Protein backbone atom coordinates (compact mmCIF):
# COMPACT_ATOMS: atom_id res chain seq x y z
CA UNK A 1 -4.61 1.51 -10.70
CA UNK A 2 -5.65 2.51 -7.13
CA UNK A 3 -8.25 5.14 -6.27
CA UNK A 4 -8.69 6.35 -2.73
CA UNK A 5 -11.91 8.24 -2.19
CA UNK A 6 -12.76 10.21 0.91
CA UNK A 7 -16.44 10.90 1.30
CA UNK A 8 -17.77 13.19 4.02
CA UNK A 9 -18.66 11.23 7.15
CA UNK A 10 -17.71 7.87 5.64
CA UNK A 11 -14.72 5.56 5.68
CA UNK A 12 -12.14 5.80 2.94
CA UNK A 13 -13.03 3.85 -0.18
CA UNK A 14 -10.08 1.98 -1.63
CA UNK A 15 -10.72 0.94 -5.22
CA UNK A 16 -8.35 -0.98 -7.43
CA UNK A 17 -8.32 -1.85 -11.09
CA UNK A 18 -9.62 -5.44 -11.34
CA UNK A 19 -6.66 -6.51 -13.45
CA UNK A 20 -3.95 -4.64 -11.57
CA UNK A 21 -1.84 -7.82 -11.32
CA UNK A 22 -1.57 -7.86 -15.13
CA UNK A 23 -0.65 -4.17 -15.25
CA UNK A 24 2.28 -4.16 -12.82
CA UNK A 25 5.61 -5.90 -13.16
CA UNK A 26 5.60 -9.46 -11.80
CA UNK A 27 8.24 -8.74 -9.17
CA UNK A 28 6.06 -5.94 -7.73
CA UNK A 29 2.90 -7.99 -7.16
CA UNK A 30 3.82 -9.30 -3.69
CA UNK A 31 4.93 -5.85 -2.59
CA UNK A 32 1.71 -4.23 -3.77
CA UNK A 33 -0.45 -6.94 -2.21
CA UNK A 34 1.27 -6.26 1.11
CA UNK A 35 0.91 -2.51 0.68
CA UNK A 36 -2.78 -2.79 -0.21
CA UNK A 37 -3.40 -4.99 2.83
CA UNK A 38 -1.70 -2.35 4.98
CA UNK A 39 -3.82 0.39 3.41
CA UNK A 40 -7.03 -1.51 4.21
CA UNK A 41 -6.05 -1.92 7.86
CA UNK A 42 -4.86 1.66 8.24
CA UNK A 43 -8.01 2.97 6.55
CA UNK A 44 -10.00 1.38 9.39
CA UNK A 45 -7.78 2.68 12.18
CA UNK A 46 -6.44 6.02 10.94
CA UNK A 47 -8.30 7.08 7.80
CA UNK A 48 -7.39 10.79 7.96
CA UNK A 49 -3.68 10.10 8.38
CA UNK A 50 -3.65 7.50 5.63
CA UNK A 51 -5.49 9.80 3.23
CA UNK A 52 -2.99 12.61 3.84
CA UNK A 53 -0.07 10.26 3.28
CA UNK A 54 -1.51 8.74 0.12
CA UNK A 55 -2.32 12.21 -1.25
CA UNK A 56 1.40 12.97 -1.54
CA UNK A 57 2.83 9.49 -1.98
CA UNK A 58 6.09 9.11 -3.89
CA UNK A 59 7.91 5.88 -3.09
CA UNK A 60 9.86 4.29 -5.91
CA UNK A 61 7.45 3.51 -8.71
CA UNK A 62 4.40 4.32 -6.56
CA UNK A 63 3.44 7.94 -7.12
CA UNK A 64 0.22 9.86 -6.54
CA UNK A 65 -0.96 11.12 -9.92
CA UNK A 66 -3.99 13.25 -9.08
CA UNK A 67 -5.67 14.73 -6.03
CA UNK A 68 -8.79 16.81 -5.88
CA UNK A 69 -11.98 17.72 -4.11
CA UNK A 70 -14.43 15.89 -6.36
CA UNK A 71 -14.15 12.95 -8.69
CA UNK A 72 -16.58 14.78 -10.96
CA UNK A 73 -13.71 17.19 -11.75
CA UNK A 74 -11.84 14.31 -13.40
CA UNK A 75 -14.15 12.77 -16.03
CA UNK A 76 -11.63 10.14 -17.13
CA UNK A 77 -11.07 8.97 -13.54
CA UNK A 78 -14.81 9.02 -12.90
CA UNK A 79 -15.40 6.74 -15.88
CA UNK A 80 -12.48 4.50 -14.97
CA UNK A 81 -13.58 4.25 -11.33
CA UNK A 82 -16.84 2.63 -12.39
CA UNK A 83 -14.78 -0.38 -13.48
CA UNK A 84 -12.70 -0.56 -10.30
CA UNK A 85 -13.47 -2.93 -7.42
CA UNK A 86 -13.19 -2.54 -3.65
CA UNK A 87 -9.86 -3.48 -2.22
């Protein structure tokens, strides 16, 4: 639902599934909106720290599923990411 991409010499790219609000439980929407807003701000101020934290995130139902060096190593994520939008 959320992809965080770190490209050499660039800001973090935060991509989200365009219909994420339909995917998550209704009671979690406000929480995730707040969390995403925080991620956007922290990505501007402390991108390295945020990326490290997100890479091992496990808070309640929010869990990092995959980490890696290149999106090309994950063909399904690569295809899915083309449908995601900037956060």
